[in-house]
Amino acid sequence: MSTTELPASHAALMDGVYRWQRHIYDLTRKYYLLGRDRLISGLDVPAGGTVLELGCGTGRNIILAARRYPEARFFGLDISAEMLETAGAAIARENLSGRV
């Protein structure tokens, strides 16, 4: 196996996991999210700053952060194309596509 095969296999595995779960993911993660909103509110993001979220999933956190820090730009990265599709749709619904 070459090193280029491993990420593709892992990405496919993650897409398989999140293909259906992404639609209920945030609702079923209530206890995992404890304290996360407070953490996002406590970030020190300067006007004109840039934030990168690794493992952005459904976009829940990056949307919350983008609302909280309207002068910053945000980028999200996730191994799952399925999750990125969900995040992109949520970001568009929130009219944040120009900054996120």
C-alpha atoms as a PDB file:
ATOM      1  CA  MET A   1       0.000   0.000   0.000  1.00  0.00           C
ATOM      2  CA  SER A   2       1.380   3.397  -0.889  1.00  0.00           C
ATOM      3  CA  THR A   3       0.987   6.439   1.326  1.00  0.00           C
ATOM      4  CA  THR A   4      -1.405   7.967  -1.198  1.00  0.00           C
ATOM      5  CA  GLU A   5      -3.860   5.080  -0.789  1.00  0.00           C
ATOM      6  CA  LEU A   6      -4.241   5.440   2.963  1.00  0.00           C
ATOM      7  CA  PRO A   7      -5.849   8.896   3.060  1.00  0.00           C
ATOM      8  CA  ALA A   8      -8.271   7.988   0.268  1.00  0.00           C
ATOM      9  CA  SER A   9      -9.287   4.820   2.121  1.00  0.00           C
ATOM     10  CA  HIS A  10      -9.687   6.668   5.397  1.00  0.00           C
ATOM     11  CA  ALA A  11     -11.684   9.444   3.724  1.00  0.00           C
ATOM     12  CA  ALA A  12     -13.975   6.853   2.139  1.00  0.00           C
ATOM     13  CA  LEU A  13     -14.428   5.200   5.541  1.00  0.00           C
ATOM     14  CA  MET A  14     -15.359   8.533   7.138  1.00  0.00           C
ATOM     15  CA  ASP A  15     -17.776   9.314   4.310  1.00  0.00           C
ATOM     16  CA  GLY A  16     -19.403   5.938   4.907  1.00  0.00           C
ATOM     17  CA  VAL A  17     -19.827   6.728   8.594  1.00  0.00           C
ATOM     18  CA  TYR A  18     -21.168  10.238   8.097  1.00  0.00           C
ATOM     19  CA  ARG A  19     -23.212   9.747   4.915  1.00  0.00           C
ATOM     20  CA  TRP A  20     -26.418   9.339   6.948  1.00  0.00           C
ATOM     21  CA  GLN A  21     -25.300  10.357  10.408  1.00  0.00           C
ATOM     22  CA  ARG A  22     -24.469  13.928   9.349  1.00  0.00           C
ATOM     23  CA  HIS A  23     -28.179  14.751   9.191  1.00  0.00           C
ATOM     24  CA  ILE A  24     -28.655  14.102  12.928  1.00  0.00           C
ATOM     25  CA  TYR A  25     -25.063  14.587  14.084  1.00  0.00           C
ATOM     26  CA  ASP A  26     -25.464  17.846  16.030  1.00  0.00           C
ATOM     27  CA  LEU A  27     -28.690  16.694  17.697  1.00  0.00           C
ATOM     28  CA  THR A  28     -27.061  13.514  18.965  1.00  0.00           C
ATOM     29  CA  ARG A  29     -23.903  15.219  20.283  1.00  0.00           C
ATOM     30  CA  LYS A  30     -25.502  17.343  23.009  1.00  0.00           C
ATOM     31  CA  TYR A  31     -23.167  16.202  25.790  1.00  0.00           C
ATOM     32  CA  TYR A  32     -20.067  16.344  23.614  1.00  0.00           C
ATOM     33  CA  LEU A  33     -20.823  20.007  22.944  1.00  0.00           C
ATOM     34  CA  LEU A  34     -20.904  21.037  26.615  1.00  0.00           C
ATOM     35  CA  GLY A  35     -18.675  24.067  27.056  1.00  0.00           C
ATOM     36  CA  ARG A  36     -17.994  24.461  23.357  1.00  0.00           C
ATOM     37  CA  ASP A  37     -20.143  27.573  22.915  1.00  0.00           C
ATOM     38  CA  ARG A  38     -18.407  29.205  25.884  1.00  0.00           C
ATOM     39  CA  LEU A  39     -15.028  28.281  24.417  1.00  0.00           C
ATOM     40  CA  ILE A  40     -15.949  29.872  21.075  1.00  0.00           C
ATOM     41  CA  SER A  41     -17.196  33.022  22.825  1.00  0.00           C
ATOM     42  CA  GLY A  42     -13.897  33.260  24.679  1.00  0.00           C
ATOM     43  CA  LEU A  43     -11.683  33.152  21.599  1.00  0.00           C
ATOM     44  CA  ASP A  44      -9.546  36.218  20.989  1.00  0.00           C
ATOM     45  CA  VAL A  45     -10.109  36.704  17.268  1.00  0.00           C
ATOM     46  CA  PRO A  46      -8.957  40.135  16.078  1.00  0.00           C
ATOM     47  CA  ALA A  47     -10.747  42.098  13.371  1.00  0.00           C
ATOM     48  CA  GLY A  48      -9.304  40.908  10.075  1.00  0.00           C
ATOM     49  CA  GLY A  49      -8.064  37.720  11.735  1.00  0.00           C
ATOM     50  CA  THR A  50      -8.193  34.246  10.249  1.00  0.00           C
ATOM     51  CA  VAL A  51      -9.436  31.092  11.967  1.00  0.00           C
ATOM     52  CA  LEU A  52      -8.960  27.504  10.776  1.00  0.00           C
ATOM     53  CA  GLU A  53     -11.128  24.761  12.258  1.00  0.00           C
ATOM     54  CA  LEU A  54      -9.750  21.268  11.775  1.00  0.00           C
ATOM     55  CA  GLY A  55     -12.503  18.672  11.683  1.00  0.00           C
ATOM     56  CA  CYS A  56     -15.276  21.216  11.066  1.00  0.00           C
ATOM     57  CA  GLY A  57     -17.928  18.525  10.581  1.00  0.00           C
ATOM     58  CA  THR A  58     -21.393  19.970  10.032  1.00  0.00           C
ATOM     59  CA  GLY A  59     -20.147  23.535  10.360  1.00  0.00           C
ATOM     60  CA  ARG A  60     -21.946  24.136  13.662  1.00  0.00           C
ATOM     61  CA  ASN A  61     -18.935  25.594  15.467  1.00  0.00           C
ATOM     62  CA  ILE A  62     -17.540  27.597  12.583  1.00  0.00           C
ATOM     63  CA  ILE A  63     -20.955  29.198  11.982  1.00  0.00           C
ATOM     64  CA  LEU A  64     -21.237  30.143  15.648  1.00  0.00           C
ATOM     65  CA  ALA A  65     -17.722  31.602  15.580  1.00  0.00           C
ATOM     66  CA  ALA A  66     -18.378  33.510  12.344  1.00  0.00           C
ATOM     67  CA  ARG A  67     -21.471  35.102  13.871  1.00  0.00           C
ATOM     68  CA  ARG A  68     -19.531  36.006  17.028  1.00  0.00           C
ATOM     69  CA  TYR A  69     -16.556  37.477  15.142  1.00  0.00           C
ATOM     70  CA  PRO A  70     -18.001  39.222  12.063  1.00  0.00           C
ATOM     71  CA  GLU A  71     -14.729  40.916  11.090  1.00  0.00           C
ATOM     72  CA  ALA A  72     -12.770  37.654  10.767  1.00  0.00           C
ATOM     73  CA  ARG A  73     -12.462  35.041   8.015  1.00  0.00           C
ATOM     74  CA  PHE A  74     -12.977  31.350   8.709  1.00  0.00           C
ATOM     75  CA  PHE A  75     -11.812  28.168   7.027  1.00  0.00           C
ATOM     76  CA  GLY A  76     -12.986  24.657   7.815  1.00  0.00           C
ATOM     77  CA  LEU A  77     -11.258  21.402   6.996  1.00  0.00           C
ATOM     78  CA  ASP A  78     -12.728  17.906   7.303  1.00  0.00           C
ATOM     79  CA  ILE A  79     -11.745  14.506   5.947  1.00  0.00           C
ATOM     80  CA  SER A  80     -15.378  13.692   5.127  1.00  0.00           C
ATOM     81  CA  ALA A  81     -16.721  15.141   1.885  1.00  0.00           C
ATOM     82  CA  GLU A  82     -20.213  14.309   3.199  1.00  0.00           C
ATOM     83  CA  MET A  83     -19.690  16.512   6.263  1.00  0.00           C
ATOM     84  CA  LEU A  84     -18.214  19.294   4.117  1.00  0.00           C
ATOM     85  CA  GLU A  85     -21.314  19.182   1.915  1.00  0.00           C
ATOM     86  CA  THR A  86     -23.514  19.578   4.993  1.00  0.00           C
ATOM     87  CA  ALA A  87     -21.313  22.371   6.356  1.00  0.00           C
ATOM     88  CA  GLY A  88     -21.360  24.196   3.022  1.00  0.00           C
ATOM     89  CA  ALA A  89     -25.152  24.088   2.877  1.00  0.00           C
ATOM     90  CA  ALA A  90     -25.461  25.334   6.468  1.00  0.00           C
ATOM     91  CA  ILE A  91     -22.980  28.144   5.820  1.00  0.00           C
ATOM     92  CA  ALA A  92     -24.917  29.196   2.704  1.00  0.00           C
ATOM     93  CA  ARG A  93     -28.218  29.173   4.655  1.00  0.00           C
ATOM     94  CA  GLU A  94     -26.625  31.524   7.191  1.00  0.00           C
ATOM     95  CA  ASN A  95     -25.397  33.831   4.383  1.00  0.00           C
ATOM     96  CA  LEU A  96     -21.797  33.402   5.540  1.00  0.00           C
ATOM     97  CA  SER A  97     -20.338  32.031   2.310  1.00  0.00           C
ATOM     98  CA  GLY A  98     -18.250  35.150   1.726  1.00  0.00           C
ATOM     99  CA  ARG A  99     -16.367  34.776   5.023  1.00  0.00           C
ATOM    100  CA  VAL A 100     -16.437  31.043   5.719  1.00  0.00           C
END
